Amino acid sequence: MLRRLLTAALFGFAGVGAGLAQVDPASLPSRDAHEGLLIAADPYTDPTQYKARFGKKTPYEVGILAMDVYFRNDTDKPIRIDLESIRLLLAPPDVERQRFRALSVEDVADRILHKGGPNPTTPRRPISIPGRGPNKSRNKELNELVMALRPGAFEMDILPPRSSVHGFFFFDVNHRYDWLPYAKFYVPDLKFMDTKQPLLFFEVDLSTARPR
C-alpha cells in the first residue's frame, strides 16, 4: 500500500499524461466538485486535436472519444477510485439512454489497428486460425500503438492528498460526437482510504464543454 501511495504521489506532482498540458481544472466549464474533490472533463471533439495529440492513427477515426479528465483532491486524505465503475452516460433526444464503459488502452489500440468495426459490448480480440502463427508485424504495430497511448491514459486508482492528476479516458461512441451535448461523465464509486467513507457520486455535464 505504501508503494502504491508513493507511486500515486509521484504521478500527482508530475501529472499522469506525459506531454499533456497542465491546466487549472477549475477553469474548465465541464466540472463537478464537492467534499474536497473536483473532477473536470475536456472532451476532444475535433479531428485536428486528435492528430496533434496522437499522431497519424487516432481514436477519432474509429469512432472513439478521447476525454482528458482532471481530478483535484483538495483534502488531506488519499481517495480511492473504482475505475471499473466509471461510465459515459448518453441521453440524446428520442434515443434510449445509454451507458458506456471506458475502454482499455489495449482495446483502443486494437480497434485503431483493425479500423474499428461494430460497436461491441465486450472486448474484441483477433480470432486464432488453425495452421497460422501470429502476425509478428501486426503484433509489433499493436504494441507500438499501446506504448504511444499509455503515457496519456488515466490508469490510477488512488488520488494522493493535495494533488491534481489527469489523463485520458476512452469511450466508443460509434462516431456520434454530435451526442456529446447530451452526455455526462459519471464517477459513482469513490471513498476516503483511511476511513472508508464513501463520497457522493460525481456527474460532469459535458453539455458545457467548450468546442475547439
Protein backbone atom coordinates (compact mmCIF):
# COMPACT_ATOMS: atom_id res chain seq x y z
CA MET A 1 0.00 0.00 0.00
CA LEU A 2 2.83 2.39 0.86
CA ARG A 3 4.45 1.72 -2.51
CA ARG A 4 1.17 2.46 -4.31
CA LEU A 5 0.77 5.72 -2.41
CA LEU A 6 4.32 6.78 -3.24
CA THR A 7 3.73 5.97 -6.89
CA ALA A 8 0.46 7.88 -6.88
CA ALA A 9 2.13 10.84 -5.22
CA LEU A 10 4.78 10.90 -7.92
CA PHE A 11 2.09 10.96 -10.60
CA GLY A 12 0.23 13.63 -8.66
CA PHE A 13 3.16 16.03 -8.81
CA ALA A 14 4.07 15.23 -12.42
CA GLY A 15 0.60 14.78 -13.91
CA VAL A 16 -0.48 11.46 -15.36
CA GLY A 17 -0.07 12.02 -19.05
CA ALA A 18 3.35 12.86 -20.39
CA GLY A 19 3.05 15.73 -22.86
CA LEU A 20 -0.43 16.79 -21.72
CA ALA A 21 -0.78 20.47 -20.90
CA GLN A 22 -1.47 21.00 -17.21
CA VAL A 23 -4.35 23.44 -16.71
CA ASP A 24 -6.36 24.56 -13.72
CA PRO A 25 -9.29 22.10 -13.68
CA ALA A 26 -11.46 24.73 -12.00
CA SER A 27 -11.19 26.75 -15.22
CA LEU A 28 -12.84 24.03 -17.32
CA PRO A 29 -16.59 24.56 -17.82
CA SER A 30 -17.44 20.85 -17.52
CA ARG A 31 -16.80 20.05 -13.86
CA ASP A 32 -18.35 18.84 -10.62
CA ALA A 33 -16.99 19.46 -7.13
CA HIS A 34 -17.95 18.52 -3.57
CA GLU A 35 -16.39 17.07 -0.41
CA GLY A 36 -12.98 18.47 -1.32
CA LEU A 37 -12.71 16.76 -4.70
CA LEU A 38 -13.06 18.40 -8.10
CA ILE A 39 -13.50 16.40 -11.32
CA ALA A 40 -13.34 18.22 -14.66
CA ALA A 41 -13.51 16.89 -18.21
CA ASP A 42 -12.14 18.17 -21.51
CA PRO A 43 -13.56 16.01 -24.33
CA TYR A 44 -11.71 16.09 -27.65
CA THR A 45 -14.24 16.83 -30.38
CA ASP A 46 -12.17 17.93 -33.36
CA PRO A 47 -10.02 15.62 -35.53
CA THR A 48 -7.19 18.18 -35.52
CA GLN A 49 -6.97 17.82 -31.74
CA TYR A 50 -6.55 14.09 -32.13
CA LYS A 51 -3.86 14.47 -34.80
CA ALA A 52 -1.92 16.91 -32.63
CA ARG A 53 -2.07 14.64 -29.59
CA PHE A 54 -2.00 11.11 -31.03
CA GLY A 55 -0.34 11.47 -34.42
CA LYS A 56 -1.41 9.84 -37.66
CA LYS A 57 -3.50 7.00 -36.21
CA THR A 58 -6.09 8.34 -33.82
CA PRO A 59 -9.10 7.11 -31.81
CA TYR A 60 -11.27 9.66 -33.61
CA GLU A 61 -11.13 7.88 -36.95
CA VAL A 62 -12.65 4.70 -35.45
CA GLY A 63 -15.38 6.50 -33.50
CA ILE A 64 -13.69 6.56 -30.10
CA LEU A 65 -13.96 9.62 -27.88
CA ALA A 66 -10.82 10.70 -26.02
CA MET A 67 -11.53 12.77 -22.94
CA ASP A 68 -8.86 14.40 -20.77
CA VAL A 69 -10.18 14.17 -17.20
CA TYR A 70 -8.78 16.06 -14.20
CA PHE A 71 -9.06 15.00 -10.56
CA ARG A 72 -8.06 17.59 -7.95
CA ASN A 73 -8.00 16.31 -4.38
CA ASP A 74 -8.00 19.30 -2.01
CA THR A 75 -8.26 17.15 1.12
CA ASP A 76 -5.54 15.76 3.38
CA LYS A 77 -6.69 12.20 2.68
CA PRO A 78 -6.00 9.84 -0.22
CA ILE A 79 -9.08 8.90 -2.22
CA ARG A 80 -9.63 5.58 -3.96
CA ILE A 81 -11.45 5.40 -7.31
CA ASP A 82 -13.11 2.31 -8.71
CA LEU A 83 -12.11 2.79 -12.35
CA GLU A 84 -14.28 -0.12 -13.47
CA SER A 85 -17.43 1.66 -12.34
CA ILE A 86 -16.87 4.84 -14.38
CA ARG A 87 -19.32 5.38 -17.24
CA LEU A 88 -20.17 7.81 -20.01
CA LEU A 89 -23.92 8.44 -19.88
CA LEU A 90 -25.66 9.45 -23.11
CA ALA A 91 -29.28 10.57 -23.29
CA PRO A 92 -29.92 12.17 -26.72
CA PRO A 93 -33.49 13.23 -27.58
CA ASP A 94 -35.73 10.38 -28.74
CA VAL A 95 -32.96 7.82 -28.11
CA GLU A 96 -32.84 5.28 -25.31
CA ARG A 97 -30.35 6.23 -22.59
CA GLN A 98 -27.00 4.51 -22.99
CA ARG A 99 -24.12 3.77 -20.62
CA PHE A 100 -20.59 3.25 -21.99
CA ARG A 101 -17.73 1.60 -20.14
CA ALA A 102 -14.28 3.10 -20.58
CA LEU A 103 -12.02 1.19 -22.98
CA SER A 104 -8.58 -0.06 -22.01
CA VAL A 105 -5.55 1.21 -23.89
CA GLU A 106 -5.15 -2.24 -25.44
CA ASP A 107 -8.73 -2.18 -26.76
CA VAL A 108 -8.28 1.32 -28.21
CA ALA A 109 -5.08 0.28 -29.99
CA ASP A 110 -6.71 -2.89 -31.29
CA ARG A 111 -9.67 -1.01 -32.74
CA ILE A 112 -7.45 1.61 -34.35
CA LEU A 113 -5.34 -1.11 -35.92
CA HIS A 114 -8.37 -3.06 -37.14
CA LYS A 115 -10.25 0.06 -38.28
CA GLY A 116 -12.95 -0.12 -35.66
CA GLY A 117 -15.85 -2.27 -36.82
CA PRO A 118 -19.13 -2.79 -34.93
CA ASN A 119 -19.60 -1.21 -31.53
CA PRO A 120 -19.13 -4.33 -29.33
CA THR A 121 -20.20 -4.74 -25.72
CA THR A 122 -17.22 -6.94 -24.92
CA PRO A 123 -13.56 -6.51 -25.85
CA ARG A 124 -12.88 -7.78 -29.34
CA ARG A 125 -9.76 -9.88 -29.87
CA PRO A 126 -8.25 -11.33 -33.06
CA ILE A 127 -9.51 -14.85 -33.81
CA SER A 128 -6.90 -17.59 -33.94
CA ILE A 129 -6.93 -19.53 -37.23
CA PRO A 130 -5.63 -23.13 -37.11
CA GLY A 131 -2.42 -23.61 -39.04
CA ARG A 132 -1.41 -19.96 -38.86
CA GLY A 133 1.04 -18.41 -36.45
CA PRO A 134 0.73 -14.89 -35.04
CA ASN A 135 1.31 -11.98 -37.38
CA LYS A 136 4.52 -10.59 -35.91
CA SER A 137 4.40 -7.33 -37.86
CA ARG A 138 0.80 -6.72 -36.76
CA ASN A 139 1.68 -7.55 -33.13
CA LYS A 140 4.59 -5.13 -33.29
CA GLU A 141 2.32 -2.40 -34.62
CA LEU A 142 -0.21 -3.10 -31.89
CA ASN A 143 2.46 -2.88 -29.18
CA GLU A 144 3.73 0.39 -30.62
CA LEU A 145 0.21 1.86 -30.53
CA VAL A 146 -0.26 0.73 -26.93
CA MET A 147 3.05 2.33 -25.96
CA ALA A 148 2.04 5.57 -27.68
CA LEU A 149 -1.36 5.71 -25.95
CA ARG A 150 -0.46 4.53 -22.45
CA PRO A 151 1.53 7.58 -21.19
CA GLY A 152 -1.53 9.78 -21.63
CA ALA A 153 -4.15 7.36 -20.28
CA PHE A 154 -5.62 7.65 -16.80
CA GLU A 155 -4.98 4.36 -15.02
CA MET A 156 -4.55 5.43 -11.37
CA ASP A 157 -6.94 4.18 -8.71
CA ILE A 158 -5.59 6.36 -5.87
CA LEU A 159 -5.71 10.15 -5.71
CA PRO A 160 -2.97 11.45 -3.41
CA PRO A 161 -3.79 14.18 -0.87
CA ARG A 162 -3.45 17.79 -2.05
CA SER A 163 -2.75 16.80 -5.64
CA SER A 164 -4.06 17.28 -9.15
CA VAL A 165 -3.79 14.47 -11.70
CA HIS A 166 -5.24 13.97 -15.16
CA GLY A 167 -5.26 11.69 -18.17
CA PHE A 168 -7.43 10.31 -20.96
CA PHE A 169 -10.48 8.09 -20.71
CA PHE A 170 -11.61 6.48 -23.97
CA PHE A 171 -15.21 5.63 -24.92
CA ASP A 172 -16.54 4.01 -28.09
CA VAL A 173 -19.34 6.40 -29.14
CA ASN A 174 -19.58 4.92 -32.65
CA HIS A 175 -18.72 8.28 -34.29
CA ARG A 176 -21.66 10.03 -32.59
CA TYR A 177 -19.65 13.03 -31.40
CA ASP A 178 -22.74 15.13 -32.03
CA TRP A 179 -24.32 13.44 -28.99
CA LEU A 180 -21.78 14.90 -26.53
CA PRO A 181 -24.04 17.84 -25.56
CA TYR A 182 -26.30 15.15 -24.07
CA ALA A 183 -23.51 13.31 -22.24
CA LYS A 184 -22.29 13.09 -18.65
CA PHE A 185 -19.08 11.65 -17.23
CA TYR A 186 -20.25 9.55 -14.29
CA VAL A 187 -17.96 8.58 -11.37
CA PRO A 188 -20.03 6.67 -8.80
CA ASP A 189 -17.60 4.85 -6.54
CA LEU A 190 -15.04 6.87 -4.56
CA LYS A 191 -14.08 6.69 -0.90
CA PHE A 192 -11.51 8.05 1.53
CA MET A 193 -8.92 5.36 2.08
CA ASP A 194 -8.36 5.86 5.80
CA THR A 195 -11.99 5.91 6.98
CA LYS A 196 -13.58 4.02 4.05
CA GLN A 197 -16.15 6.82 3.97
CA PRO A 198 -17.77 6.98 0.52
CA LEU A 199 -18.11 10.21 -1.43
CA LEU A 200 -21.28 11.21 -3.20
CA PHE A 201 -21.23 10.29 -6.90
CA PHE A 202 -19.97 12.80 -9.49
CA GLU A 203 -21.71 13.69 -12.75
CA VAL A 204 -19.74 16.01 -15.04
CA ASP A 205 -22.13 17.60 -17.53
CA LEU A 206 -20.41 17.66 -20.94
CA SER A 207 -23.00 19.99 -22.49
CA THR A 208 -20.97 22.92 -21.17
CA ALA A 209 -17.68 21.76 -22.74
CA ARG A 210 -16.15 24.38 -25.00
CA PRO A 211 -15.77 23.23 -28.63
CA ARG A 212 -12.26 23.63 -30.06
